[in-house]
N, C-alpha and C. Protein backbone atom coordinates (compact mmCIF):
# COMPACT_ATOMS: atom_id res chain seq x y z
N MET A 1 1.02 -1.52 -0.21
CA MET A 1 -0.34 0.01 0.12
C MET A 1 0.73 1.27 -0.14
N ILE A 2 0.74 2.11 -0.72
CA ILE A 2 1.43 3.59 -1.05
C ILE A 2 0.72 4.39 -0.17
N GLU A 3 1.23 5.45 1.05
CA GLU A 3 0.71 6.26 1.46
C GLU A 3 0.83 7.60 0.51
N ARG A 4 -0.38 8.09 0.81
CA ARG A 4 -0.57 9.53 -0.13
C ARG A 4 -1.22 10.28 0.76
N ALA A 5 -0.67 11.49 0.33
CA ALA A 5 -1.48 12.66 1.38
C ALA A 5 -2.85 12.97 1.07
N THR A 6 -3.65 13.40 2.17
CA THR A 6 -4.95 13.16 1.52
C THR A 6 -5.65 14.64 2.21
N PRO A 7 -6.14 15.33 1.45
CA PRO A 7 -6.50 16.51 1.49
C PRO A 7 -7.63 16.67 2.81
N ILE A 8 -7.66 17.45 3.52
CA ILE A 8 -8.76 17.91 4.54
C ILE A 8 -9.46 18.85 4.36
N GLU A 9 -10.79 18.49 4.15
CA GLU A 9 -11.50 19.86 3.62
C GLU A 9 -12.28 20.22 4.62
N GLN A 10 -12.05 21.74 4.57
CA GLN A 10 -12.42 22.66 5.98
C GLN A 10 -13.59 23.45 5.36
N ALA A 11 -14.49 23.43 6.24
CA ALA A 11 -15.56 24.36 6.21
C ALA A 11 -15.31 25.65 5.67
N ALA A 12 -16.53 26.27 5.22
CA ALA A 12 -16.06 27.92 4.89
C ALA A 12 -16.16 28.32 5.85
N PRO A 13 -15.27 29.77 6.23
CA PRO A 13 -15.47 30.29 7.63
C PRO A 13 -17.01 31.01 7.40
N PRO A 14 -17.15 31.30 9.20
CA PRO A 14 -18.96 31.74 9.28
C PRO A 14 -18.54 33.06 8.50
N THR A 15 -20.06 33.12 8.01
CA THR A 15 -20.40 34.73 7.52
C THR A 15 -20.50 35.46 8.79
N PHE A 16 -20.72 36.84 8.34
CA PHE A 16 -20.88 37.81 9.48
C PHE A 16 -22.20 37.56 10.10
N GLU A 17 -23.20 37.25 9.30
CA GLU A 17 -24.87 37.20 9.60
C GLU A 17 -24.77 36.10 10.46
N THR A 18 -23.79 34.82 10.61
CA THR A 18 -23.96 33.71 11.37
C THR A 18 -23.13 34.13 12.60
N LEU A 19 -22.00 34.96 12.65
CA LEU A 19 -21.33 35.35 13.73
C LEU A 19 -22.23 36.56 14.41
N LEU A 20 -22.98 37.18 13.81
CA LEU A 20 -24.01 38.30 14.40
C LEU A 20 -24.70 37.28 15.41
N ARG A 21 -25.46 36.12 14.88
CA ARG A 21 -26.70 35.09 15.08
C ARG A 21 -26.09 34.65 16.30
N THR A 22 -24.64 34.14 16.44
CA THR A 22 -23.98 33.42 17.28
C THR A 22 -23.60 34.38 19.09
N VAL A 23 -23.04 35.55 18.63
CA VAL A 23 -23.37 36.73 19.48
C VAL A 23 -24.79 36.53 20.29
N GLU A 24 -25.59 36.74 19.47
CA GLU A 24 -27.10 36.88 20.26
C GLU A 24 -27.47 35.86 21.18
N GLU A 25 -27.18 34.81 20.46
CA GLU A 25 -27.60 33.08 21.11
C GLU A 25 -26.38 33.19 22.59
N MET A 26 -25.36 33.91 22.86
CA MET A 26 -24.18 33.66 23.69
C MET A 26 -24.91 34.12 24.85
N ASP A 27 -24.51 33.16 25.77
CA ASP A 27 -25.04 33.50 27.36
C ASP A 27 -23.64 34.13 27.72
N THR A 28 -23.35 35.35 27.42
CA THR A 28 -22.63 36.03 27.64
C THR A 28 -21.97 36.32 29.41
N PRO A 29 -21.09 36.12 30.23
CA PRO A 29 -21.17 36.33 31.43
C PRO A 29 -21.39 37.69 32.23
N ASP A 30 -21.88 37.86 32.82
CA ASP A 30 -21.82 39.43 33.22
C ASP A 30 -20.73 40.14 33.38
N GLY A 31 -20.68 41.24 32.84
CA GLY A 31 -19.59 42.31 33.12
C GLY A 31 -18.59 41.84 31.74
N PHE A 32 -18.87 41.12 30.97
CA PHE A 32 -18.11 41.05 29.64
C PHE A 32 -19.41 41.15 28.39
N LYS A 33 -18.15 41.29 27.47
CA LYS A 33 -19.16 41.90 26.24
C LYS A 33 -18.64 40.94 24.71
N ALA A 34 -19.21 40.60 23.72
CA ALA A 34 -18.67 39.96 22.91
C ALA A 34 -19.01 40.99 21.72
N GLU A 35 -17.75 40.93 20.70
CA GLU A 35 -17.68 41.71 19.94
C GLU A 35 -17.20 40.75 18.63
N VAL A 36 -17.67 41.40 17.24
CA VAL A 36 -17.04 40.83 15.91
C VAL A 36 -15.94 41.43 15.81
N ILE A 37 -14.71 40.67 15.55
CA ILE A 37 -13.67 41.56 15.24
C ILE A 37 -13.11 40.41 14.47
N ARG A 38 -12.32 40.89 12.87
CA ARG A 38 -11.58 40.07 12.18
C ARG A 38 -12.00 38.74 11.93
N GLY A 39 -13.64 38.86 12.19
CA GLY A 39 -14.17 37.34 11.56
C GLY A 39 -14.07 36.29 12.51
N LYS A 40 -13.73 36.94 13.76
CA LYS A 40 -13.66 36.38 14.89
C LYS A 40 -14.76 36.74 16.04
N ILE A 41 -15.39 36.03 17.12
CA ILE A 41 -15.90 36.48 18.20
C ILE A 41 -15.28 36.72 19.13
N ILE A 42 -15.10 37.63 19.76
CA ILE A 42 -13.69 38.37 20.92
C ILE A 42 -14.57 38.46 21.83
N VAL A 43 -14.69 37.96 23.47
CA VAL A 43 -15.01 38.51 24.71
C VAL A 43 -14.29 38.65 25.36
N SER A 44 -14.93 40.19 25.90
CA SER A 44 -13.65 40.54 26.85
C SER A 44 -14.48 41.13 27.97
N PRO A 45 -13.57 41.84 29.13
CA PRO A 45 -14.66 42.34 30.26
C PRO A 45 -14.71 43.67 29.53
N TRP A 46 -15.76 44.52 30.50
CA TRP A 46 -16.18 45.86 30.36
C TRP A 46 -15.25 46.27 31.10
N SER A 47 -15.30 47.61 30.93
CA SER A 47 -14.19 48.48 31.78
C SER A 47 -13.81 48.28 33.12
N ARG A 48 -12.78 48.68 33.66
CA ARG A 48 -12.62 48.46 35.20
C ARG A 48 -13.35 49.57 35.84
N ARG A 49 -13.58 49.70 36.84
CA ARG A 49 -14.39 50.23 37.65
C ARG A 49 -13.81 52.14 37.62
N ARG A 50 -12.10 51.67 37.59
CA ARG A 50 -11.59 53.43 37.76
C ARG A 50 -12.36 54.21 36.71
N TYR A 51 -12.38 53.64 35.31
CA TYR A 51 -12.88 54.07 34.09
C TYR A 51 -14.17 54.44 34.17
N TYR A 52 -15.46 53.95 35.36
CA TYR A 52 -16.34 54.60 35.23
C TYR A 52 -16.61 56.01 35.65
N LEU A 53 -15.80 56.97 36.39
CA LEU A 53 -15.98 58.19 36.31
C LEU A 53 -15.85 58.91 35.08
N PRO A 54 -14.59 58.62 34.68
CA PRO A 54 -14.11 59.26 33.57
C PRO A 54 -15.45 59.06 32.55
N MET A 55 -15.65 57.86 32.12
CA MET A 55 -16.97 57.73 31.00
C MET A 55 -17.97 58.21 31.11
N ARG A 56 -18.50 58.76 32.42
CA ARG A 56 -19.63 58.97 32.95
C ARG A 56 -19.53 60.73 32.68
N ALA A 57 -18.36 61.24 33.20
CA ALA A 57 -18.19 62.79 33.10
C ALA A 57 -18.11 63.20 31.36
N LEU A 58 -17.59 62.25 30.61
CA LEU A 58 -17.70 62.26 28.89
C LEU A 58 -18.93 62.11 28.37
N ARG A 59 -19.77 61.27 28.95
CA ARG A 59 -21.12 60.77 28.62
C ARG A 59 -22.07 62.17 28.82
N GLU A 60 -21.96 62.76 29.90
CA GLU A 60 -22.68 64.09 30.45
C GLU A 60 -22.39 65.38 29.48
N GLN A 61 -21.05 65.62 29.45
CA GLN A 61 -20.71 66.20 28.36
C GLN A 61 -21.19 66.55 26.97
N LEU A 62 -21.24 64.94 26.78
CA LEU A 62 -21.64 64.55 25.23
C LEU A 62 -23.00 64.83 24.82
N GLN A 63 -24.01 64.58 25.99
CA GLN A 63 -25.22 64.46 26.19
C GLN A 63 -25.41 66.14 26.00
N ALA A 64 -25.06 66.70 26.71
CA ALA A 64 -25.50 68.05 26.53
C ALA A 64 -25.00 68.81 25.50
N HIS A 65 -24.37 68.35 24.38
CA HIS A 65 -24.20 68.86 23.30
C HIS A 65 -24.49 67.76 22.00
N ALA A 66 -25.19 66.92 22.36
CA ALA A 66 -25.71 65.88 21.28
C ALA A 66 -26.72 66.63 20.50
N PRO A 67 -26.24 66.20 18.91
CA PRO A 67 -27.39 66.86 18.30
C PRO A 67 -28.57 66.35 18.59
N GLU A 68 -29.34 67.17 18.29
CA GLU A 68 -31.09 66.91 18.24
C GLU A 68 -31.41 65.46 17.87
N GLY A 69 -32.41 64.95 19.25
CA GLY A 69 -32.72 63.38 18.99
C GLY A 69 -31.64 62.66 19.25
N HIS A 70 -30.38 62.97 19.54
CA HIS A 70 -29.39 61.81 19.79
C HIS A 70 -29.32 61.38 21.19
N VAL A 71 -28.87 60.32 21.72
CA VAL A 71 -28.37 60.15 22.91
C VAL A 71 -27.04 59.37 23.17
N ALA A 72 -26.53 59.91 24.20
CA ALA A 72 -25.31 59.85 24.74
C ALA A 72 -25.28 58.18 25.80
N ASP A 73 -24.59 57.54 25.60
CA ASP A 73 -25.03 56.45 26.50
C ASP A 73 -23.79 55.36 26.59
N MET A 74 -23.67 54.65 27.54
CA MET A 74 -22.81 53.68 27.82
C MET A 74 -23.22 52.12 27.95
N ALA A 75 -24.61 51.80 27.71
CA ALA A 75 -25.38 50.70 27.83
C ALA A 75 -24.56 49.62 26.88
N PRO A 76 -24.39 48.50 27.32
CA PRO A 76 -23.76 47.58 26.30
C PRO A 76 -24.57 46.88 24.73
N PHE A 77 -24.49 47.59 23.69
CA PHE A 77 -25.35 47.25 22.69
C PHE A 77 -24.15 47.41 21.71
N LEU A 78 -24.34 46.25 20.99
CA LEU A 78 -23.66 45.98 19.59
C LEU A 78 -24.11 46.69 18.16
N PHE A 79 -23.22 47.84 18.08
CA PHE A 79 -23.57 48.28 16.52
C PHE A 79 -22.74 47.46 15.49
N GLN A 80 -23.39 47.21 14.61
CA GLN A 80 -22.72 46.49 13.01
C GLN A 80 -22.22 47.12 12.00
N PHE A 81 -21.49 46.64 11.66
CA PHE A 81 -20.76 47.53 10.20
C PHE A 81 -20.48 46.32 9.12
N PRO A 82 -21.63 46.10 8.50
CA PRO A 82 -21.88 44.80 7.65
C PRO A 82 -20.87 44.93 6.65
N ALA A 83 -20.70 45.86 5.78
CA ALA A 83 -19.30 46.24 4.87
C ALA A 83 -18.06 45.83 5.30
N ALA A 84 -17.71 45.86 6.69
CA ALA A 84 -16.56 45.62 7.11
C ALA A 84 -16.57 44.06 7.86
N GLY A 85 -17.90 43.63 8.11
CA GLY A 85 -17.74 42.35 8.53
C GLY A 85 -17.56 42.62 9.90
N ARG A 86 -17.91 43.76 10.82
CA ARG A 86 -17.80 43.89 12.01
C ARG A 86 -18.73 44.14 12.88
N ALA A 87 -19.11 44.26 14.24
CA ALA A 87 -19.72 44.44 15.03
C ALA A 87 -19.29 44.65 16.30
N TYR A 88 -19.26 46.18 17.12
CA TYR A 88 -18.28 46.29 18.10
C TYR A 88 -19.36 47.13 18.88
N GLY A 89 -18.81 46.36 20.28
CA GLY A 89 -19.71 47.42 21.45
C GLY A 89 -18.85 48.24 22.09
N PRO A 90 -18.94 49.53 21.31
CA PRO A 90 -18.09 50.84 22.17
C PRO A 90 -18.43 51.39 23.71
N ASP A 91 -17.37 51.61 24.24
CA ASP A 91 -17.28 51.82 25.81
C ASP A 91 -18.62 53.12 25.95
N LEU A 92 -18.42 54.13 24.79
CA LEU A 92 -19.43 54.89 24.95
C LEU A 92 -19.87 55.61 23.50
N TYR A 93 -21.27 56.05 23.54
CA TYR A 93 -21.57 56.07 22.13
C TYR A 93 -22.71 57.25 22.11
N VAL A 94 -22.88 58.05 20.96
CA VAL A 94 -23.84 58.82 20.52
C VAL A 94 -24.55 58.50 19.53
N VAL A 95 -25.86 58.44 19.75
CA VAL A 95 -26.85 57.52 18.51
C VAL A 95 -27.95 58.56 18.46
N ASP A 96 -28.54 58.20 17.14
CA ASP A 96 -29.98 58.58 16.94
C ASP A 96 -30.88 57.70 17.74
N ALA A 97 -31.69 58.47 18.37
CA ALA A 97 -32.58 57.55 19.38
C ALA A 97 -33.39 56.63 18.38
N SER A 98 -33.97 57.12 17.19
CA SER A 98 -34.52 56.33 16.44
C SER A 98 -33.99 54.59 16.01
N ALA A 99 -32.69 54.82 16.21
CA ALA A 99 -31.81 53.32 16.19
C ALA A 99 -32.45 52.24 17.00
N PHE A 100 -33.19 52.62 18.14
CA PHE A 100 -33.23 51.81 19.16
C PHE A 100 -35.05 51.46 18.85
N GLU A 101 -35.74 51.79 18.01
CA GLU A 101 -36.61 51.45 17.43
C GLU A 101 -37.07 50.25 16.54
N GLY A 102 -38.16 48.99 16.80
CA GLY A 102 -38.22 48.17 16.20
C GLY A 102 -37.66 46.97 17.01
N GLU A 103 -37.33 45.43 16.35
CA GLU A 103 -36.74 44.37 16.92
C GLU A 103 -35.27 44.25 16.55
N GLY A 104 -35.06 43.42 17.11
CA GLY A 104 -33.36 43.22 17.09
C GLY A 104 -32.72 43.50 18.46
N ARG A 105 -31.38 42.64 18.11
CA ARG A 105 -30.55 43.15 19.49
C ARG A 105 -29.14 44.06 18.86
N HIS A 106 -29.19 44.34 17.60
CA HIS A 106 -28.10 44.75 17.16
C HIS A 106 -28.35 46.30 16.42
N LEU A 107 -27.73 47.42 16.69
CA LEU A 107 -27.93 48.34 15.99
C LEU A 107 -26.74 48.58 14.66
N ASP A 108 -27.49 49.80 13.83
CA ASP A 108 -26.74 49.96 12.57
C ASP A 108 -25.72 51.11 12.93
N GLY A 109 -24.59 50.63 13.11
CA GLY A 109 -23.40 51.53 13.13
C GLY A 109 -23.55 52.92 12.29
N ALA A 110 -24.51 53.15 11.08
CA ALA A 110 -24.65 53.93 10.53
C ALA A 110 -25.38 55.32 11.08
N GLU A 111 -25.98 54.76 12.14
CA GLU A 111 -26.81 55.81 12.98
C GLU A 111 -25.89 56.22 13.90
N LEU A 112 -24.54 55.90 14.17
CA LEU A 112 -23.97 56.72 15.53
C LEU A 112 -23.39 58.24 14.54
N SER A 113 -23.17 59.17 15.94
CA SER A 113 -22.68 60.12 15.49
C SER A 113 -21.31 60.25 16.06
N LEU A 114 -21.07 59.63 17.25
CA LEU A 114 -19.87 59.35 18.19
C LEU A 114 -19.67 58.29 18.75
N VAL A 115 -18.62 57.67 18.59
CA VAL A 115 -18.05 56.65 19.66
C VAL A 115 -16.97 57.36 20.25
N ALA A 116 -17.04 56.39 21.25
CA ALA A 116 -15.75 56.49 22.25
C ALA A 116 -14.93 55.34 22.85
N GLU A 117 -13.92 55.15 22.94
CA GLU A 117 -13.35 54.03 23.42
C GLU A 117 -12.43 54.50 24.22
N PHE A 118 -12.02 53.72 25.73
CA PHE A 118 -11.43 53.76 26.87
C PHE A 118 -10.61 52.84 26.61
N THR A 119 -8.98 52.88 26.15
CA THR A 119 -7.99 52.03 26.36
C THR A 119 -7.68 51.11 27.66
N SER A 120 -7.66 49.93 27.62
CA SER A 120 -6.72 49.10 28.36
C SER A 120 -5.77 48.73 27.83
N VAL A 121 -5.01 47.59 28.72
CA VAL A 121 -3.80 46.77 28.23
C VAL A 121 -4.37 46.19 27.44
N SER A 122 -5.68 45.45 27.51
CA SER A 122 -5.74 44.37 26.70
C SER A 122 -6.34 44.78 25.38
N THR A 123 -7.07 45.73 25.46
CA THR A 123 -8.05 46.16 24.56
C THR A 123 -7.08 47.32 23.45
N LYS A 124 -6.33 47.96 23.85
CA LYS A 124 -5.55 48.95 23.20
C LYS A 124 -5.41 49.27 21.57
N ASP A 125 -4.54 47.89 21.22
CA ASP A 125 -4.29 47.78 19.85
C ASP A 125 -5.61 47.74 19.16
N VAL A 126 -6.80 46.80 19.41
CA VAL A 126 -8.00 46.77 18.89
C VAL A 126 -8.65 48.20 18.68
N ASP A 127 -8.85 48.82 19.79
CA ASP A 127 -9.11 50.38 19.93
C ASP A 127 -8.17 51.60 19.05
N TRP A 128 -6.82 51.01 18.93
CA TRP A 128 -6.23 52.25 18.13
C TRP A 128 -6.03 51.92 16.58
N HIS A 129 -6.46 50.73 16.40
CA HIS A 129 -5.96 50.17 15.02
C HIS A 129 -7.39 49.66 13.98
N GLU A 130 -7.78 48.59 14.61
CA GLU A 130 -8.92 47.91 14.47
C GLU A 130 -10.14 48.64 14.06
N LYS A 131 -10.64 49.05 15.45
CA LYS A 131 -12.07 49.83 15.42
C LYS A 131 -11.74 51.43 14.75
N LEU A 132 -10.36 51.83 14.62
CA LEU A 132 -9.94 53.12 14.30
C LEU A 132 -10.48 53.06 12.54
N ASP A 133 -10.00 51.97 11.94
CA ASP A 133 -10.04 52.01 10.43
C ASP A 133 -11.42 51.73 10.40
N VAL A 134 -12.30 50.95 10.91
CA VAL A 134 -13.82 51.04 10.57
C VAL A 134 -14.66 52.21 10.97
N TYR A 135 -14.54 52.85 12.25
CA TYR A 135 -15.10 53.88 12.67
C TYR A 135 -14.61 55.17 11.48
N GLY A 136 -13.30 54.68 10.83
CA GLY A 136 -13.24 56.38 10.36
C GLY A 136 -13.58 56.33 8.86
N GLN A 137 -14.21 55.03 8.65
CA GLN A 137 -14.84 54.66 7.23
C GLN A 137 -16.92 55.62 7.18
N LEU A 138 -17.00 55.84 8.71
CA LEU A 138 -18.75 55.95 8.54
C LEU A 138 -18.71 56.92 10.11
N VAL A 139 -18.60 56.77 10.97
CA VAL A 139 -18.61 57.71 12.28
C VAL A 139 -18.21 59.03 12.23
N PRO A 140 -19.11 60.00 12.19
CA PRO A 140 -18.46 61.63 12.28
C PRO A 140 -17.44 61.60 13.22
N VAL A 141 -17.60 61.13 14.26
CA VAL A 141 -16.50 61.64 15.41
C VAL A 141 -16.03 60.30 16.05
N HIS A 142 -14.67 60.25 16.36
CA HIS A 142 -14.38 58.99 17.33
C HIS A 142 -13.29 59.56 18.38
N LEU A 143 -13.76 59.46 19.52
CA LEU A 143 -13.02 59.99 20.47
C LEU A 143 -12.17 58.75 21.26
N VAL A 144 -10.77 58.51 21.39
CA VAL A 144 -9.85 57.52 22.05
C VAL A 144 -9.32 57.99 23.15
N VAL A 145 -9.96 57.53 24.52
CA VAL A 145 -9.30 58.18 25.61
C VAL A 145 -8.49 57.18 25.94
N ASP A 146 -7.10 57.36 26.06
CA ASP A 146 -6.09 56.52 26.27
C ASP A 146 -5.75 56.54 27.50
N MET A 147 -6.12 56.00 28.18
CA MET A 147 -6.21 55.60 30.09
C MET A 147 -4.72 55.55 30.41
N GLN A 148 -3.94 54.79 29.62
CA GLN A 148 -2.39 54.18 29.55
C GLN A 148 -1.87 56.08 29.80
N ALA A 149 -2.03 56.36 28.55
CA ALA A 149 -1.01 57.75 28.21
C ALA A 149 -1.50 58.63 28.71
N SER A 150 -2.60 58.93 29.28
CA SER A 150 -3.21 59.96 29.95
C SER A 150 -3.40 61.10 28.85
N GLU A 151 -4.16 60.68 27.74
CA GLU A 151 -4.11 61.57 26.68
C GLU A 151 -5.47 60.85 26.04
N ILE A 152 -6.46 62.31 25.43
CA ILE A 152 -7.67 62.03 24.59
C ILE A 152 -7.33 62.49 23.22
N THR A 153 -7.92 61.73 22.20
CA THR A 153 -7.76 61.98 20.72
C THR A 153 -9.17 62.13 20.22
N CYS A 154 -9.24 62.96 19.25
CA CYS A 154 -10.28 63.19 18.84
C CYS A 154 -10.21 62.93 17.18
N PHE A 155 -10.80 62.08 16.57
CA PHE A 155 -10.76 62.14 15.31
C PHE A 155 -12.39 62.12 14.44
N SER A 156 -11.98 62.69 13.53
CA SER A 156 -13.16 63.24 12.51
C SER A 156 -12.82 63.55 10.83
N ASP A 157 -14.25 63.91 10.40
CA ASP A 157 -14.06 63.91 9.23
C ASP A 157 -13.89 62.64 8.51
N PRO A 158 -14.65 61.20 8.81
CA PRO A 158 -14.69 60.18 8.14
C PRO A 158 -14.63 60.27 6.69
N SER A 159 -13.89 58.97 5.87
CA SER A 159 -13.84 59.08 4.43
C SER A 159 -13.45 57.58 3.98
N PRO A 160 -13.46 56.99 3.03
CA PRO A 160 -13.14 55.76 2.76
C PRO A 160 -12.12 55.25 2.91
N HIS A 161 -11.23 56.39 3.25
CA HIS A 161 -9.83 56.41 3.61
C HIS A 161 -9.35 56.26 5.15
N GLY A 162 -10.73 56.37 5.87
CA GLY A 162 -10.09 56.82 7.47
C GLY A 162 -10.16 58.06 7.47
N TYR A 163 -10.21 58.46 8.77
CA TYR A 163 -10.36 59.85 9.28
C TYR A 163 -9.36 60.92 8.59
N GLN A 164 -9.84 62.27 8.29
CA GLN A 164 -9.03 63.05 7.55
C GLN A 164 -8.41 64.18 8.87
N PHE A 165 -8.91 64.34 9.80
CA PHE A 165 -8.45 64.94 11.13
C PHE A 165 -8.33 64.04 12.13
N ARG A 166 -7.14 64.84 13.20
CA ARG A 166 -6.76 64.04 14.43
C ARG A 166 -6.10 64.89 15.20
N LYS A 167 -6.54 65.31 16.41
CA LYS A 167 -5.96 66.22 17.51
C LYS A 167 -6.06 65.48 19.02
N THR A 168 -4.73 65.26 19.64
CA THR A 168 -4.46 64.63 20.70
C THR A 168 -4.37 66.01 21.67
N VAL A 169 -4.74 65.68 22.98
CA VAL A 169 -4.45 66.58 23.86
C VAL A 169 -4.11 65.44 25.16
N PRO A 170 -3.29 66.37 26.31
CA PRO A 170 -3.00 65.53 27.44
C PRO A 170 -4.40 65.85 28.24
N PHE A 171 -4.64 64.82 29.41
CA PHE A 171 -5.90 65.13 30.16
C PHE A 171 -5.48 66.25 31.06
N GLY A 172 -6.58 66.93 30.94
CA GLY A 172 -6.63 68.17 31.78
C GLY A 172 -6.45 69.19 30.73
N ALA A 173 -6.11 68.93 29.52
CA ALA A 173 -6.39 70.22 28.04
C ALA A 173 -7.40 70.10 27.72
N PRO A 174 -8.47 71.39 27.03
CA PRO A 174 -9.59 71.29 26.18
C PRO A 174 -9.30 70.45 25.17
N LEU A 175 -10.45 69.71 24.61
CA LEU A 175 -10.56 69.13 23.16
C LEU A 175 -11.60 69.50 22.60
N PRO A 176 -10.77 69.83 21.31
CA PRO A 176 -12.15 70.66 20.52
C PRO A 176 -12.92 69.28 19.79
N VAL A 177 -14.07 69.16 19.83
CA VAL A 177 -15.07 68.53 19.42
C VAL A 177 -15.92 68.90 18.13
N PRO A 178 -15.63 68.64 17.16
CA PRO A 178 -16.23 69.31 16.04
C PRO A 178 -17.44 68.96 15.53
N ASP A 179 -18.30 69.47 14.69
CA ASP A 179 -19.60 69.62 14.44
C ASP A 179 -20.17 68.00 13.93
N PRO A 180 -21.05 67.30 14.66
CA PRO A 180 -22.36 68.14 15.09
C PRO A 180 -22.32 68.48 16.51
N PHE A 181 -21.30 68.27 17.44
CA PHE A 181 -20.95 68.63 18.44
C PHE A 181 -20.71 69.99 19.05
N GLY A 182 -19.48 70.30 18.24
CA GLY A 182 -18.88 71.96 18.11
C GLY A 182 -18.72 72.39 20.10
N PHE A 183 -18.17 71.45 20.70
CA PHE A 183 -17.55 72.09 21.62
C PHE A 183 -16.44 71.81 22.24
N ASP A 184 -15.52 71.85 23.52
CA ASP A 184 -14.26 71.42 24.00
C ASP A 184 -14.43 70.57 24.99
N VAL A 185 -14.16 69.22 25.23
CA VAL A 185 -14.41 68.08 26.42
C VAL A 185 -13.33 68.81 27.45
N ASP A 186 -14.14 68.63 28.44
CA ASP A 186 -13.11 69.02 29.65
C ASP A 186 -12.72 67.63 30.15
N SER A 187 -11.38 67.26 29.91
CA SER A 187 -10.61 66.15 30.62
C SER A 187 -9.95 66.22 31.73
N SER A 188 -10.48 67.49 32.52
CA SER A 188 -9.58 67.51 33.67
C SER A 188 -9.74 66.26 34.84
N GLY A 189 -11.28 65.86 34.82
CA GLY A 189 -11.20 65.02 35.75
C GLY A 189 -11.10 63.27 35.28
N PHE A 190 -10.25 63.37 34.36
CA PHE A 190 -10.08 61.96 33.50
C PHE A 190 -8.92 61.26 34.64
C-alpha cells in the first residue's frame, strides 16, 4: 500500500450574519461583552471600575451637546458594520434615538454620530487600529481616551480611507470636538 497525502476539506469560515446570530445566542457572563472582530467572536470584560467616572463625565458632556434627537450612553449594545464584517460594543456612544426602534439586538453603525473607546492594556491595539479603521469610514466623530498615556484623541471627517482629522491633548487640556457637537471636552477629571 502506498501512502498518499489526503487533503482535509475545511468548512468555509462563518459569515458575518452567522457570527452576529451566534453572539446574540451566547450567554455572555455578566461584566463581559462579545464583539465581532476580524471574523472572530471576541469576548472581553467591560471597563474597570476606575474608568466609570471619566466615562460618566464624558457621557454627560456629550449628552449636553449631542445633536437633536441623539442620546449618549454606555449601555452594552452591539453596533454592526456589515460592509466591514464587524460588530462592536463601544465603551460610550452617541446615536440617533430612532436606532432603538424596532426589533433585534444589534444596531446599525450608520446611526452613530460619535463613539468613544477607553483603552486598556488588553484592548489598546484593537481600539487604536482595528476599530479606528472601521469607524473612520463611517462615524462622524471618534474619541480614543488613552488611559495608559493619559491623553484623549479626537478623530473626525470620515472618508473611505479613514479619518481626515486628528487632534490629541493630555488629560486636563480642552479637546475641541467638531460639529455636529461643536464644544471642547473638559478632560480635567479623567
